[in-house]
Structure formats: structure tokens, C-alpha cells
Amino acid sequence: MDETEFMRGRVYGAAHEDAGPRPGRRYAELVGGPLDGLLLDVTERREGPGEVVLATEIGRYGAGGRAVYVGDGRRLEWRGDVPGVG
């Protein structure tokens, strides 16, 4: 199993030991880019989260970089990477 396959179905930002989806929560799938295949918990967000900017160390800008995703709340598509603030 490679790293990409290992990451699929895991929740972005969840503790490594408990990274699977939890019952009673809503998730959007991250599609493309460095976080492809991860799920983002959108339970507390209004429908259609629009744009989200997520920290990632595996994007174009390495540690401290961010990945931008845009979508309708069930599926968020990668739009590009941006450098982190700092």
C-alpha cells in the first residue's frame, strides 16, 4: 500500500490513531492536489462551504504551505497551492 492509498478515506486534521470518519458527521471529499482523497469534516459549516484553505506540508510550498479547495459542500476541488503566512 503506497502513501496515497493509505490516506484515502482519512479525515483531514484528525488524530492519526482515529483518522476515519465518525458517525453523525458530514464530510466533503477533497479532490486533486496534495490532499486528494482525504475527507474534510463540514458538519459545523453551512451548506456549500465555497473556498477552504488548508495547511499542508506536502504541497508546492512544503512545510507551512496551504492548499486551496473550492466546492459545493460534498466535493471540494483543488485550485492550487499558496505559500503560508509568516
C-alpha atoms as a PDB file:
ATOM      1  CA  MET A   1       0.000   0.000   0.000  1.00  0.00           C
ATOM      2  CA  ASP A   2       1.506   3.367  -1.020  1.00  0.00           C
ATOM      3  CA  GLU A   3       1.028   6.676   0.859  1.00  0.00           C
ATOM      4  CA  THR A   4      -1.755   7.896  -1.457  1.00  0.00           C
ATOM      5  CA  GLU A   5      -3.781   4.727  -0.955  1.00  0.00           C
ATOM      6  CA  PHE A   6      -3.170   4.877   2.805  1.00  0.00           C
ATOM      7  CA  MET A   7      -4.517   8.447   3.021  1.00  0.00           C
ATOM      8  CA  ARG A   8      -7.793   7.787   1.154  1.00  0.00           C
ATOM      9  CA  GLY A   9     -10.862   7.919   3.362  1.00  0.00           C
ATOM     10  CA  ARG A  10      -8.985   9.540   6.242  1.00  0.00           C
ATOM     11  CA  VAL A  11     -10.234  12.784   7.766  1.00  0.00           C
ATOM     12  CA  TYR A  12      -8.103  15.910   7.330  1.00  0.00           C
ATOM     13  CA  GLY A  13      -6.786  17.136  10.683  1.00  0.00           C
ATOM     14  CA  ALA A  14      -7.915  14.082  12.671  1.00  0.00           C
ATOM     15  CA  ALA A  15      -5.581  12.362  15.121  1.00  0.00           C
ATOM     16  CA  HIS A  16      -3.522   9.695  13.371  1.00  0.00           C
ATOM     17  CA  GLU A  17      -4.914   6.898  15.558  1.00  0.00           C
ATOM     18  CA  ASP A  18      -8.534   7.908  14.905  1.00  0.00           C
ATOM     19  CA  ALA A  19      -8.488   9.326  11.382  1.00  0.00           C
ATOM     20  CA  GLY A  20     -11.568   7.585   9.977  1.00  0.00           C
ATOM     21  CA  PRO A  21     -14.958   9.241   9.505  1.00  0.00           C
ATOM     22  CA  ARG A  22     -17.258   9.293  12.543  1.00  0.00           C
ATOM     23  CA  PRO A  23     -20.992   8.567  12.573  1.00  0.00           C
ATOM     24  CA  GLY A  24     -23.251  11.614  12.714  1.00  0.00           C
ATOM     25  CA  ARG A  25     -20.749  13.912  10.955  1.00  0.00           C
ATOM     26  CA  ARG A  26     -20.849  15.340   7.408  1.00  0.00           C
ATOM     27  CA  TYR A  27     -17.789  15.181   5.172  1.00  0.00           C
ATOM     28  CA  ALA A  28     -16.683  16.666   1.865  1.00  0.00           C
ATOM     29  CA  GLU A  29     -14.211  14.784  -0.323  1.00  0.00           C
ATOM     30  CA  LEU A  30     -11.027  16.650  -1.261  1.00  0.00           C
ATOM     31  CA  VAL A  31     -10.331  16.048  -4.956  1.00  0.00           C
ATOM     32  CA  GLY A  32      -6.957  16.654  -6.591  1.00  0.00           C
ATOM     33  CA  GLY A  33      -3.872  18.370  -5.245  1.00  0.00           C
ATOM     34  CA  PRO A  34      -1.802  17.331  -2.259  1.00  0.00           C
ATOM     35  CA  LEU A  35      -4.790  16.327  -0.092  1.00  0.00           C
ATOM     36  CA  ASP A  36      -6.561  14.240  -2.738  1.00  0.00           C
ATOM     37  CA  GLY A  37      -8.739  11.518  -1.246  1.00  0.00           C
ATOM     38  CA  LEU A  38      -8.930  12.988   2.254  1.00  0.00           C
ATOM     39  CA  LEU A  39     -12.260  13.886   3.817  1.00  0.00           C
ATOM     40  CA  LEU A  40     -12.938  17.296   5.368  1.00  0.00           C
ATOM     41  CA  ASP A  41     -15.395  17.497   8.262  1.00  0.00           C
ATOM     42  CA  VAL A  42     -18.015  20.084   7.210  1.00  0.00           C
ATOM     43  CA  THR A  43     -20.557  19.296   9.942  1.00  0.00           C
ATOM     44  CA  GLU A  44     -20.331  22.759  11.508  1.00  0.00           C
ATOM     45  CA  ARG A  45     -20.293  24.624   8.183  1.00  0.00           C
ATOM     46  CA  ARG A  46     -23.262  25.927   6.281  1.00  0.00           C
ATOM     47  CA  GLU A  47     -24.173  24.115   3.080  1.00  0.00           C
ATOM     48  CA  GLY A  48     -21.797  24.969   0.266  1.00  0.00           C
ATOM     49  CA  PRO A  49     -18.596  25.909   2.099  1.00  0.00           C
ATOM     50  CA  GLY A  50     -17.254  27.657  -1.001  1.00  0.00           C
ATOM     51  CA  GLU A  51     -13.496  28.065  -0.612  1.00  0.00           C
ATOM     52  CA  VAL A  52     -11.344  26.495   2.087  1.00  0.00           C
ATOM     53  CA  VAL A  53      -7.613  26.975   2.597  1.00  0.00           C
ATOM     54  CA  LEU A  54      -5.960  24.041   4.350  1.00  0.00           C
ATOM     55  CA  ALA A  55      -2.470  23.720   5.802  1.00  0.00           C
ATOM     56  CA  THR A  56      -0.332  21.020   4.211  1.00  0.00           C
ATOM     57  CA  GLU A  57       3.329  20.074   4.229  1.00  0.00           C
ATOM     58  CA  ILE A  58       3.124  18.068   1.018  1.00  0.00           C
ATOM     59  CA  GLY A  59       2.108  20.815  -1.421  1.00  0.00           C
ATOM     60  CA  ARG A  60       4.198  23.014  -3.693  1.00  0.00           C
ATOM     61  CA  TYR A  61       5.397  25.217  -0.820  1.00  0.00           C
ATOM     62  CA  GLY A  62       6.337  22.449   1.623  1.00  0.00           C
ATOM     63  CA  ALA A  63       6.072  22.972   5.369  1.00  0.00           C
ATOM     64  CA  GLY A  64       3.803  25.917   6.113  1.00  0.00           C
ATOM     65  CA  GLY A  65       2.159  25.853   2.683  1.00  0.00           C
ATOM     66  CA  ARG A  66      -1.580  25.874   2.046  1.00  0.00           C
ATOM     67  CA  ALA A  67      -3.840  24.104  -0.457  1.00  0.00           C
ATOM     68  CA  VAL A  68      -6.936  25.903  -1.768  1.00  0.00           C
ATOM     69  CA  TYR A  69     -10.111  23.867  -2.419  1.00  0.00           C
ATOM     70  CA  VAL A  70     -13.441  25.094  -3.810  1.00  0.00           C
ATOM     71  CA  GLY A  71     -16.735  23.247  -3.984  1.00  0.00           C
ATOM     72  CA  ASP A  72     -20.339  22.660  -3.108  1.00  0.00           C
ATOM     73  CA  GLY A  73     -20.032  21.043   0.292  1.00  0.00           C
ATOM     74  CA  ARG A  74     -19.887  17.386  -0.774  1.00  0.00           C
ATOM     75  CA  ARG A  75     -16.899  17.644  -3.086  1.00  0.00           C
ATOM     76  CA  LEU A  76     -14.111  20.217  -2.933  1.00  0.00           C
ATOM     77  CA  GLU A  77     -11.787  20.512  -5.928  1.00  0.00           C
ATOM     78  CA  TRP A  78      -8.196  21.682  -5.686  1.00  0.00           C
ATOM     79  CA  ARG A  79      -7.484  25.114  -7.187  1.00  0.00           C
ATOM     80  CA  GLY A  80      -3.812  25.439  -6.303  1.00  0.00           C
ATOM     81  CA  ASP A  81      -1.244  25.879  -3.569  1.00  0.00           C
ATOM     82  CA  VAL A  82      -0.295  29.115  -1.842  1.00  0.00           C
ATOM     83  CA  PRO A  83       2.591  29.924   0.493  1.00  0.00           C
ATOM     84  CA  GLY A  84       1.893  30.062   4.202  1.00  0.00           C
ATOM     85  CA  VAL A  85       1.829  33.262   6.205  1.00  0.00           C
ATOM     86  CA  GLY A  86       4.870  34.013   8.180  1.00  0.00           C
END
